[in-house]
Amino acid sequence: MITIEIPGRKTLYLENLVLDFNGTLAVDGNLIDGVKERLQKFSNKLNIHVVTADTFGTVTNQLKGIECQVKILKKQQQDRQKKIYLKQLGKKRCAAIGNGYNDWQMLKHAALSIATIQAEGASPQSLKHASIVCNSVSHALDLLLNPNRLVATLRR
């Protein structure tokens, strides 16, 4: 668990990190450099969940060696499926990172949500519902590895 006290806001008690794969952790189905090492640092702090459409069919291979749960979504209503998955984990205990339109509900309902803008861009709907927007998944993950960065951005 990661506990983050944010002045003027509720304290976050995060147990789960829910991530999109393509566009967030990967580009064209290939894991972005530095992601694997960062995710491995969470292994004793957060439960990692990758919830994806797996557009390129590479998620299982690309995440080998990373302790995480992988949920491959059905083709229809992926935004809703991600929201349901998050709620089943307990949304108040979840941080979520995503970029696409199918991530917006997950970002809206997570206790902490981070949208990334990378090679695939980002959906305006996801940006609207994010607590923070980062220009790379590395920066997004680093916020969780260095919680004082989150405090500096989110305090009132």
N, C-alpha and C. Protein backbone atom coordinates (compact mmCIF):
# COMPACT_ATOMS: atom_id res chain seq x y z
N MET A 1 0.84 -1.18 0.00
CA MET A 1 0.00 0.00 0.00
C MET A 1 0.88 1.24 0.00
N ILE A 2 0.40 2.25 -0.67
CA ILE A 2 1.03 3.57 -0.66
C ILE A 2 0.03 4.54 -0.03
N THR A 3 0.46 5.26 0.99
CA THR A 3 -0.36 6.28 1.62
C THR A 3 0.20 7.64 1.22
N ILE A 4 -0.68 8.50 0.71
CA ILE A 4 -0.25 9.82 0.26
C ILE A 4 -1.16 10.87 0.89
N GLU A 5 -0.59 11.70 1.75
CA GLU A 5 -1.33 12.78 2.38
C GLU A 5 -1.19 14.02 1.51
N ILE A 6 -2.33 14.51 1.03
CA ILE A 6 -2.34 15.69 0.16
C ILE A 6 -3.03 16.82 0.91
N PRO A 7 -2.29 17.87 1.27
CA PRO A 7 -2.88 18.99 2.01
C PRO A 7 -4.13 19.55 1.33
N GLY A 8 -5.18 19.71 2.14
CA GLY A 8 -6.42 20.27 1.63
C GLY A 8 -7.30 19.26 0.92
N ARG A 9 -6.87 18.01 0.86
CA ARG A 9 -7.63 16.96 0.17
C ARG A 9 -7.60 15.70 1.03
N LYS A 10 -8.31 14.70 0.60
CA LYS A 10 -8.33 13.43 1.33
C LYS A 10 -6.99 12.71 1.18
N THR A 11 -6.64 11.97 2.21
CA THR A 11 -5.46 11.11 2.15
C THR A 11 -5.78 9.93 1.25
N LEU A 12 -4.83 9.58 0.37
CA LEU A 12 -5.00 8.44 -0.53
C LEU A 12 -4.38 7.20 0.10
N TYR A 13 -5.12 6.10 0.09
CA TYR A 13 -4.63 4.81 0.54
C TYR A 13 -4.72 3.87 -0.66
N LEU A 14 -3.65 3.79 -1.41
CA LEU A 14 -3.66 3.06 -2.67
C LEU A 14 -3.13 1.65 -2.51
N GLU A 15 -3.92 0.69 -2.97
CA GLU A 15 -3.52 -0.72 -2.96
C GLU A 15 -3.32 -1.26 -4.36
N ASN A 16 -4.00 -0.66 -5.33
CA ASN A 16 -4.00 -1.17 -6.70
C ASN A 16 -3.61 -0.09 -7.69
N LEU A 17 -2.88 -0.51 -8.71
CA LEU A 17 -2.55 0.35 -9.84
C LEU A 17 -3.14 -0.31 -11.08
N VAL A 18 -4.10 0.37 -11.70
CA VAL A 18 -4.79 -0.16 -12.87
C VAL A 18 -4.31 0.62 -14.09
N LEU A 19 -3.81 -0.11 -15.08
CA LEU A 19 -3.17 0.51 -16.24
C LEU A 19 -3.75 0.02 -17.54
N ASP A 20 -3.85 0.93 -18.48
CA ASP A 20 -4.11 0.59 -19.87
C ASP A 20 -2.79 0.08 -20.46
N PHE A 21 -2.83 -0.68 -21.53
CA PHE A 21 -1.60 -1.17 -22.14
C PHE A 21 -1.20 -0.34 -23.36
N ASN A 22 -1.91 -0.51 -24.48
CA ASN A 22 -1.52 0.21 -25.70
C ASN A 22 -1.84 1.69 -25.60
N GLY A 23 -0.85 2.49 -25.90
CA GLY A 23 -0.98 3.93 -25.78
C GLY A 23 -0.54 4.45 -24.43
N THR A 24 -0.47 3.56 -23.45
CA THR A 24 -0.07 3.97 -22.10
C THR A 24 1.25 3.30 -21.72
N LEU A 25 1.25 1.98 -21.59
CA LEU A 25 2.48 1.25 -21.26
C LEU A 25 3.27 0.86 -22.51
N ALA A 26 2.58 0.84 -23.64
CA ALA A 26 3.19 0.35 -24.88
C ALA A 26 2.81 1.24 -26.06
N VAL A 27 3.64 1.22 -27.07
CA VAL A 27 3.36 1.86 -28.34
C VAL A 27 3.46 0.78 -29.41
N ASP A 28 2.43 0.67 -30.22
CA ASP A 28 2.36 -0.36 -31.26
C ASP A 28 2.58 -1.75 -30.70
N GLY A 29 2.11 -1.98 -29.48
CA GLY A 29 2.18 -3.30 -28.85
C GLY A 29 3.50 -3.61 -28.16
N ASN A 30 4.45 -2.67 -28.18
CA ASN A 30 5.76 -2.90 -27.55
C ASN A 30 5.91 -2.03 -26.31
N LEU A 31 6.29 -2.66 -25.21
CA LEU A 31 6.47 -1.96 -23.95
C LEU A 31 7.47 -0.82 -24.12
N ILE A 32 7.15 0.33 -23.58
CA ILE A 32 8.01 1.51 -23.65
C ILE A 32 9.23 1.30 -22.76
N ASP A 33 10.39 1.74 -23.21
CA ASP A 33 11.63 1.61 -22.44
C ASP A 33 11.46 2.20 -21.04
N GLY A 34 11.93 1.46 -20.05
CA GLY A 34 11.91 1.91 -18.67
C GLY A 34 10.66 1.53 -17.90
N VAL A 35 9.61 1.10 -18.59
CA VAL A 35 8.36 0.75 -17.92
C VAL A 35 8.52 -0.50 -17.07
N LYS A 36 9.14 -1.52 -17.62
CA LYS A 36 9.28 -2.78 -16.89
C LYS A 36 9.99 -2.56 -15.56
N GLU A 37 11.07 -1.83 -15.59
CA GLU A 37 11.85 -1.58 -14.37
C GLU A 37 11.02 -0.79 -13.35
N ARG A 38 10.27 0.18 -13.80
CA ARG A 38 9.44 0.97 -12.89
C ARG A 38 8.34 0.12 -12.28
N LEU A 39 7.67 -0.70 -13.09
CA LEU A 39 6.60 -1.55 -12.57
C LEU A 39 7.14 -2.56 -11.57
N GLN A 40 8.33 -3.07 -11.79
CA GLN A 40 8.92 -4.02 -10.86
C GLN A 40 9.15 -3.39 -9.49
N LYS A 41 9.37 -2.09 -9.44
CA LYS A 41 9.57 -1.40 -8.16
C LYS A 41 8.29 -1.36 -7.33
N PHE A 42 7.14 -1.55 -7.95
CA PHE A 42 5.86 -1.54 -7.24
C PHE A 42 5.49 -2.89 -6.65
N SER A 43 6.22 -3.94 -6.97
CA SER A 43 5.80 -5.30 -6.64
C SER A 43 5.48 -5.51 -5.16
N ASN A 44 6.12 -4.80 -4.27
CA ASN A 44 5.83 -4.98 -2.85
C ASN A 44 4.97 -3.85 -2.29
N LYS A 45 4.52 -2.92 -3.14
CA LYS A 45 3.72 -1.79 -2.67
C LYS A 45 2.30 -1.80 -3.20
N LEU A 46 2.13 -2.13 -4.47
CA LEU A 46 0.82 -2.08 -5.12
C LEU A 46 0.56 -3.34 -5.93
N ASN A 47 -0.70 -3.72 -6.00
CA ASN A 47 -1.11 -4.78 -6.92
C ASN A 47 -1.28 -4.14 -8.28
N ILE A 48 -0.61 -4.69 -9.28
CA ILE A 48 -0.65 -4.12 -10.63
C ILE A 48 -1.65 -4.89 -11.48
N HIS A 49 -2.52 -4.13 -12.15
CA HIS A 49 -3.55 -4.69 -13.02
C HIS A 49 -3.46 -4.00 -14.37
N VAL A 50 -3.31 -4.77 -15.43
CA VAL A 50 -3.29 -4.23 -16.79
C VAL A 50 -4.59 -4.66 -17.45
N VAL A 51 -5.40 -3.67 -17.82
CA VAL A 51 -6.72 -3.92 -18.39
C VAL A 51 -6.68 -3.37 -19.81
N THR A 52 -6.84 -4.26 -20.80
CA THR A 52 -6.52 -3.88 -22.17
C THR A 52 -7.40 -4.58 -23.20
N ALA A 53 -7.54 -3.94 -24.35
CA ALA A 53 -8.15 -4.57 -25.52
C ALA A 53 -7.12 -5.46 -26.21
N ASP A 54 -5.84 -5.28 -25.89
CA ASP A 54 -4.73 -6.02 -26.49
C ASP A 54 -4.78 -5.96 -28.02
N THR A 55 -4.87 -4.77 -28.53
CA THR A 55 -5.01 -4.50 -29.96
C THR A 55 -3.99 -5.26 -30.81
N PHE A 56 -2.75 -5.34 -30.36
CA PHE A 56 -1.69 -5.97 -31.14
C PHE A 56 -1.42 -7.42 -30.73
N GLY A 57 -2.12 -7.91 -29.72
CA GLY A 57 -1.95 -9.30 -29.27
C GLY A 57 -0.61 -9.59 -28.61
N THR A 58 -0.01 -8.57 -28.00
CA THR A 58 1.34 -8.73 -27.45
C THR A 58 1.42 -8.61 -25.93
N VAL A 59 0.31 -8.31 -25.25
CA VAL A 59 0.38 -7.97 -23.83
C VAL A 59 1.02 -9.05 -22.98
N THR A 60 0.65 -10.30 -23.18
CA THR A 60 1.18 -11.39 -22.35
C THR A 60 2.69 -11.51 -22.51
N ASN A 61 3.16 -11.49 -23.72
CA ASN A 61 4.59 -11.58 -23.98
C ASN A 61 5.36 -10.37 -23.45
N GLN A 62 4.81 -9.19 -23.67
CA GLN A 62 5.50 -7.95 -23.27
C GLN A 62 5.58 -7.78 -21.75
N LEU A 63 4.65 -8.37 -21.02
CA LEU A 63 4.63 -8.21 -19.56
C LEU A 63 5.28 -9.38 -18.82
N LYS A 64 5.93 -10.28 -19.54
CA LYS A 64 6.64 -11.38 -18.88
C LYS A 64 7.66 -10.82 -17.90
N GLY A 65 7.70 -11.42 -16.71
CA GLY A 65 8.65 -10.98 -15.70
C GLY A 65 8.14 -9.86 -14.81
N ILE A 66 6.93 -9.38 -15.08
CA ILE A 66 6.32 -8.33 -14.26
C ILE A 66 5.17 -8.97 -13.48
N GLU A 67 5.22 -8.84 -12.18
CA GLU A 67 4.15 -9.40 -11.35
C GLU A 67 2.90 -8.53 -11.51
N CYS A 68 1.93 -9.05 -12.27
CA CYS A 68 0.70 -8.29 -12.52
C CYS A 68 -0.42 -9.20 -12.97
N GLN A 69 -1.63 -8.68 -12.87
CA GLN A 69 -2.81 -9.34 -13.39
C GLN A 69 -3.13 -8.70 -14.73
N VAL A 70 -3.48 -9.53 -15.72
CA VAL A 70 -3.84 -9.00 -17.03
C VAL A 70 -5.29 -9.38 -17.32
N LYS A 71 -6.08 -8.38 -17.68
CA LYS A 71 -7.47 -8.58 -18.07
C LYS A 71 -7.62 -8.12 -19.51
N ILE A 72 -7.95 -9.05 -20.40
CA ILE A 72 -8.19 -8.70 -21.80
C ILE A 72 -9.70 -8.51 -21.98
N LEU A 73 -10.04 -7.36 -22.51
CA LEU A 73 -11.43 -6.96 -22.62
C LEU A 73 -12.13 -7.51 -23.86
N LYS A 74 -13.44 -7.60 -23.77
CA LYS A 74 -14.27 -7.91 -24.93
C LYS A 74 -14.30 -6.68 -25.82
N LYS A 75 -14.73 -6.84 -27.06
CA LYS A 75 -14.67 -5.75 -28.03
C LYS A 75 -15.64 -4.60 -27.76
N GLN A 76 -16.77 -4.88 -27.15
CA GLN A 76 -17.79 -3.86 -26.95
C GLN A 76 -17.71 -3.23 -25.56
N GLN A 77 -18.01 -1.94 -25.48
CA GLN A 77 -18.12 -1.19 -24.22
C GLN A 77 -16.89 -1.36 -23.33
N GLN A 78 -15.73 -1.16 -23.91
CA GLN A 78 -14.49 -1.33 -23.14
C GLN A 78 -14.36 -0.30 -22.04
N ASP A 79 -14.85 0.91 -22.26
CA ASP A 79 -14.80 1.93 -21.20
C ASP A 79 -15.59 1.46 -19.98
N ARG A 80 -16.73 0.88 -20.22
CA ARG A 80 -17.58 0.36 -19.13
C ARG A 80 -16.92 -0.83 -18.45
N GLN A 81 -16.31 -1.73 -19.22
CA GLN A 81 -15.63 -2.88 -18.65
C GLN A 81 -14.50 -2.46 -17.71
N LYS A 82 -13.76 -1.43 -18.12
CA LYS A 82 -12.66 -0.93 -17.28
C LYS A 82 -13.19 -0.33 -15.98
N LYS A 83 -14.30 0.39 -16.07
CA LYS A 83 -14.92 0.97 -14.87
C LYS A 83 -15.37 -0.14 -13.92
N ILE A 84 -16.01 -1.15 -14.43
CA ILE A 84 -16.49 -2.26 -13.61
C ILE A 84 -15.31 -2.97 -12.94
N TYR A 85 -14.24 -3.21 -13.69
CA TYR A 85 -13.05 -3.86 -13.13
C TYR A 85 -12.49 -3.04 -11.97
N LEU A 86 -12.38 -1.74 -12.17
CA LEU A 86 -11.87 -0.84 -11.14
C LEU A 86 -12.76 -0.88 -9.90
N LYS A 87 -14.06 -0.81 -10.10
CA LYS A 87 -14.99 -0.83 -8.97
C LYS A 87 -14.92 -2.15 -8.20
N GLN A 88 -14.69 -3.26 -8.90
CA GLN A 88 -14.55 -4.55 -8.23
C GLN A 88 -13.32 -4.59 -7.32
N LEU A 89 -12.29 -3.85 -7.70
CA LEU A 89 -11.09 -3.78 -6.87
C LEU A 89 -11.29 -2.86 -5.67
N GLY A 90 -12.24 -1.97 -5.75
CA GLY A 90 -12.46 -0.96 -4.72
C GLY A 90 -11.87 0.36 -5.18
N LYS A 91 -12.68 1.15 -5.87
CA LYS A 91 -12.17 2.34 -6.56
C LYS A 91 -11.45 3.32 -5.65
N LYS A 92 -11.80 3.37 -4.38
CA LYS A 92 -11.14 4.30 -3.45
C LYS A 92 -9.71 3.87 -3.13
N ARG A 93 -9.36 2.67 -3.52
CA ARG A 93 -8.02 2.14 -3.25
C ARG A 93 -7.20 1.98 -4.53
N CYS A 94 -7.67 2.64 -5.61
CA CYS A 94 -7.03 2.46 -6.92
C CYS A 94 -6.47 3.75 -7.50
N ALA A 95 -5.28 3.62 -8.07
CA ALA A 95 -4.73 4.63 -8.97
C ALA A 95 -4.89 4.05 -10.37
N ALA A 96 -5.17 4.90 -11.33
CA ALA A 96 -5.35 4.43 -12.71
C ALA A 96 -4.56 5.33 -13.66
N ILE A 97 -3.99 4.70 -14.69
CA ILE A 97 -3.26 5.43 -15.72
C ILE A 97 -3.75 4.98 -17.08
N GLY A 98 -4.10 5.94 -17.94
CA GLY A 98 -4.57 5.60 -19.27
C GLY A 98 -4.51 6.80 -20.19
N ASN A 99 -4.87 6.57 -21.45
CA ASN A 99 -4.82 7.66 -22.44
C ASN A 99 -6.01 7.69 -23.39
N GLY A 100 -6.64 6.57 -23.62
CA GLY A 100 -7.63 6.47 -24.68
C GLY A 100 -9.05 6.72 -24.23
N TYR A 101 -9.93 6.80 -25.21
CA TYR A 101 -11.35 7.00 -24.91
C TYR A 101 -11.88 5.88 -24.02
N ASN A 102 -11.39 4.66 -24.24
CA ASN A 102 -11.90 3.56 -23.42
C ASN A 102 -11.36 3.59 -21.98
N ASP A 103 -10.55 4.58 -21.64
CA ASP A 103 -10.03 4.73 -20.28
C ASP A 103 -10.79 5.77 -19.45
N TRP A 104 -11.65 6.56 -20.08
CA TRP A 104 -12.20 7.71 -19.37
C TRP A 104 -12.99 7.36 -18.12
N GLN A 105 -13.77 6.29 -18.16
CA GLN A 105 -14.56 5.93 -16.97
C GLN A 105 -13.67 5.40 -15.86
N MET A 106 -12.64 4.66 -16.22
CA MET A 106 -11.67 4.19 -15.24
C MET A 106 -10.99 5.38 -14.56
N LEU A 107 -10.60 6.37 -15.34
CA LEU A 107 -9.95 7.56 -14.80
C LEU A 107 -10.92 8.38 -13.95
N LYS A 108 -12.15 8.47 -14.36
CA LYS A 108 -13.14 9.24 -13.62
C LYS A 108 -13.38 8.66 -12.23
N HIS A 109 -13.37 7.35 -12.09
CA HIS A 109 -13.77 6.71 -10.83
C HIS A 109 -12.61 6.32 -9.92
N ALA A 110 -11.39 6.38 -10.38
CA ALA A 110 -10.24 6.02 -9.54
C ALA A 110 -9.98 7.10 -8.49
N ALA A 111 -9.42 6.69 -7.37
CA ALA A 111 -9.06 7.65 -6.32
C ALA A 111 -8.01 8.63 -6.83
N LEU A 112 -7.11 8.14 -7.66
CA LEU A 112 -6.08 8.97 -8.30
C LEU A 112 -6.01 8.54 -9.75
N SER A 113 -6.12 9.50 -10.66
CA SER A 113 -6.08 9.15 -12.08
C SER A 113 -5.07 10.01 -12.81
N ILE A 114 -4.30 9.34 -13.67
CA ILE A 114 -3.28 10.02 -14.45
C ILE A 114 -3.48 9.68 -15.91
N ALA A 115 -3.62 10.71 -16.73
CA ALA A 115 -3.70 10.52 -18.18
C ALA A 115 -2.32 10.79 -18.76
N THR A 116 -1.97 10.03 -19.78
CA THR A 116 -0.69 10.23 -20.46
C THR A 116 -0.95 10.65 -21.90
N ILE A 117 -0.07 11.52 -22.40
CA ILE A 117 -0.12 11.93 -23.80
C ILE A 117 1.22 11.51 -24.40
N GLN A 118 1.17 10.47 -25.22
CA GLN A 118 2.39 9.92 -25.82
C GLN A 118 2.19 9.78 -27.32
N ALA A 119 2.80 8.79 -27.93
CA ALA A 119 2.78 8.63 -29.38
C ALA A 119 1.36 8.50 -29.96
N GLU A 120 0.45 7.87 -29.23
CA GLU A 120 -0.91 7.70 -29.71
C GLU A 120 -1.80 8.89 -29.37
N GLY A 121 -1.28 9.86 -28.64
CA GLY A 121 -2.10 10.98 -28.20
C GLY A 121 -2.96 10.58 -27.02
N ALA A 122 -3.99 11.36 -26.77
CA ALA A 122 -4.89 11.10 -25.66
C ALA A 122 -6.28 11.59 -26.01
N SER A 123 -7.27 10.90 -25.51
CA SER A 123 -8.66 11.29 -25.71
C SER A 123 -8.99 12.49 -24.81
N PRO A 124 -9.65 13.51 -25.36
CA PRO A 124 -10.05 14.64 -24.52
C PRO A 124 -10.93 14.20 -23.34
N GLN A 125 -11.73 13.17 -23.55
CA GLN A 125 -12.59 12.67 -22.48
C GLN A 125 -11.75 12.13 -21.32
N SER A 126 -10.66 11.43 -21.62
CA SER A 126 -9.78 10.93 -20.57
C SER A 126 -9.04 12.07 -19.88
N LEU A 127 -8.60 13.04 -20.65
CA LEU A 127 -7.92 14.19 -20.07
C LEU A 127 -8.84 14.93 -19.10
N LYS A 128 -10.09 15.05 -19.47
CA LYS A 128 -11.07 15.75 -18.64
C LYS A 128 -11.23 15.11 -17.27
N HIS A 129 -11.12 13.80 -17.20
CA HIS A 129 -11.39 13.09 -15.95
C HIS A 129 -10.13 12.71 -15.17
N ALA A 130 -8.97 13.13 -15.62
CA ALA A 130 -7.72 12.81 -14.93
C ALA A 130 -7.43 13.81 -13.83
N SER A 131 -6.81 13.31 -12.75
CA SER A 131 -6.33 14.18 -11.67
C SER A 131 -5.09 14.93 -12.13
N ILE A 132 -4.28 14.25 -12.93
CA ILE A 132 -3.01 14.78 -13.42
C ILE A 132 -2.84 14.31 -14.87
N VAL A 133 -2.17 15.13 -15.68
CA VAL A 133 -1.82 14.74 -17.05
C VAL A 133 -0.30 14.79 -17.17
N CYS A 134 0.28 13.71 -17.71
CA CYS A 134 1.74 13.62 -17.90
C CYS A 134 2.05 13.38 -19.37
N ASN A 135 3.25 13.77 -19.78
CA ASN A 135 3.62 13.57 -21.18
C ASN A 135 4.34 12.26 -21.42
N SER A 136 4.44 11.42 -20.39
CA SER A 136 4.97 10.07 -20.60
C SER A 136 4.53 9.17 -19.46
N VAL A 137 4.45 7.90 -19.74
CA VAL A 137 4.11 6.94 -18.69
C VAL A 137 5.23 6.87 -17.66
N SER A 138 6.46 7.09 -18.08
CA SER A 138 7.58 7.11 -17.12
C SER A 138 7.36 8.19 -16.08
N HIS A 139 6.96 9.38 -16.53
CA HIS A 139 6.69 10.47 -15.59
C HIS A 139 5.51 10.13 -14.69
N ALA A 140 4.49 9.51 -15.25
CA ALA A 140 3.32 9.12 -14.46
C ALA A 140 3.70 8.12 -13.38
N LEU A 141 4.46 7.10 -13.73
CA LEU A 141 4.88 6.09 -12.75
C LEU A 141 5.83 6.70 -11.72
N ASP A 142 6.66 7.61 -12.15
CA ASP A 142 7.58 8.28 -11.22
C ASP A 142 6.82 9.09 -10.17
N LEU A 143 5.64 9.62 -10.51
CA LEU A 143 4.83 10.32 -9.52
C LEU A 143 4.47 9.39 -8.37
N LEU A 144 4.15 8.15 -8.69
CA LEU A 144 3.79 7.19 -7.64
C LEU A 144 5.02 6.68 -6.89
N LEU A 145 6.15 6.64 -7.56
CA LEU A 145 7.38 6.22 -6.89
C LEU A 145 7.93 7.33 -6.00
N ASN A 146 7.58 8.58 -6.31
CA ASN A 146 8.02 9.75 -5.54
C ASN A 146 6.79 10.57 -5.17
N PRO A 147 6.01 10.12 -4.18
CA PRO A 147 4.71 10.74 -3.88
C PRO A 147 4.76 12.24 -3.58
N ASN A 148 5.89 12.78 -3.17
CA ASN A 148 5.93 14.23 -2.93
C ASN A 148 5.68 15.01 -4.21
N ARG A 149 5.95 14.42 -5.36
CA ARG A 149 5.64 15.07 -6.63
C ARG A 149 4.12 15.19 -6.80
N LEU A 150 3.41 14.15 -6.38
CA LEU A 150 1.95 14.20 -6.43
C LEU A 150 1.42 15.28 -5.50
N VAL A 151 1.98 15.33 -4.31
CA VAL A 151 1.56 16.33 -3.33
C VAL A 151 1.74 17.73 -3.90
N ALA A 152 2.89 17.98 -4.52
CA ALA A 152 3.18 19.30 -5.08
C ALA A 152 2.17 19.69 -6.15
N THR A 153 1.69 18.71 -6.91
CA THR A 153 0.75 18.99 -7.99
C THR A 153 -0.70 19.08 -7.52
N LEU A 154 -1.08 18.28 -6.54
CA LEU A 154 -2.49 18.16 -6.16
C LEU A 154 -2.91 18.93 -4.92
N ARG A 155 -1.98 19.45 -4.15
CA ARG A 155 -2.38 20.14 -2.91
C ARG A 155 -3.20 21.39 -3.23
N ARG A 156 -4.03 21.75 -2.27
CA ARG A 156 -4.87 22.95 -2.45
C ARG A 156 -4.21 24.14 -1.82
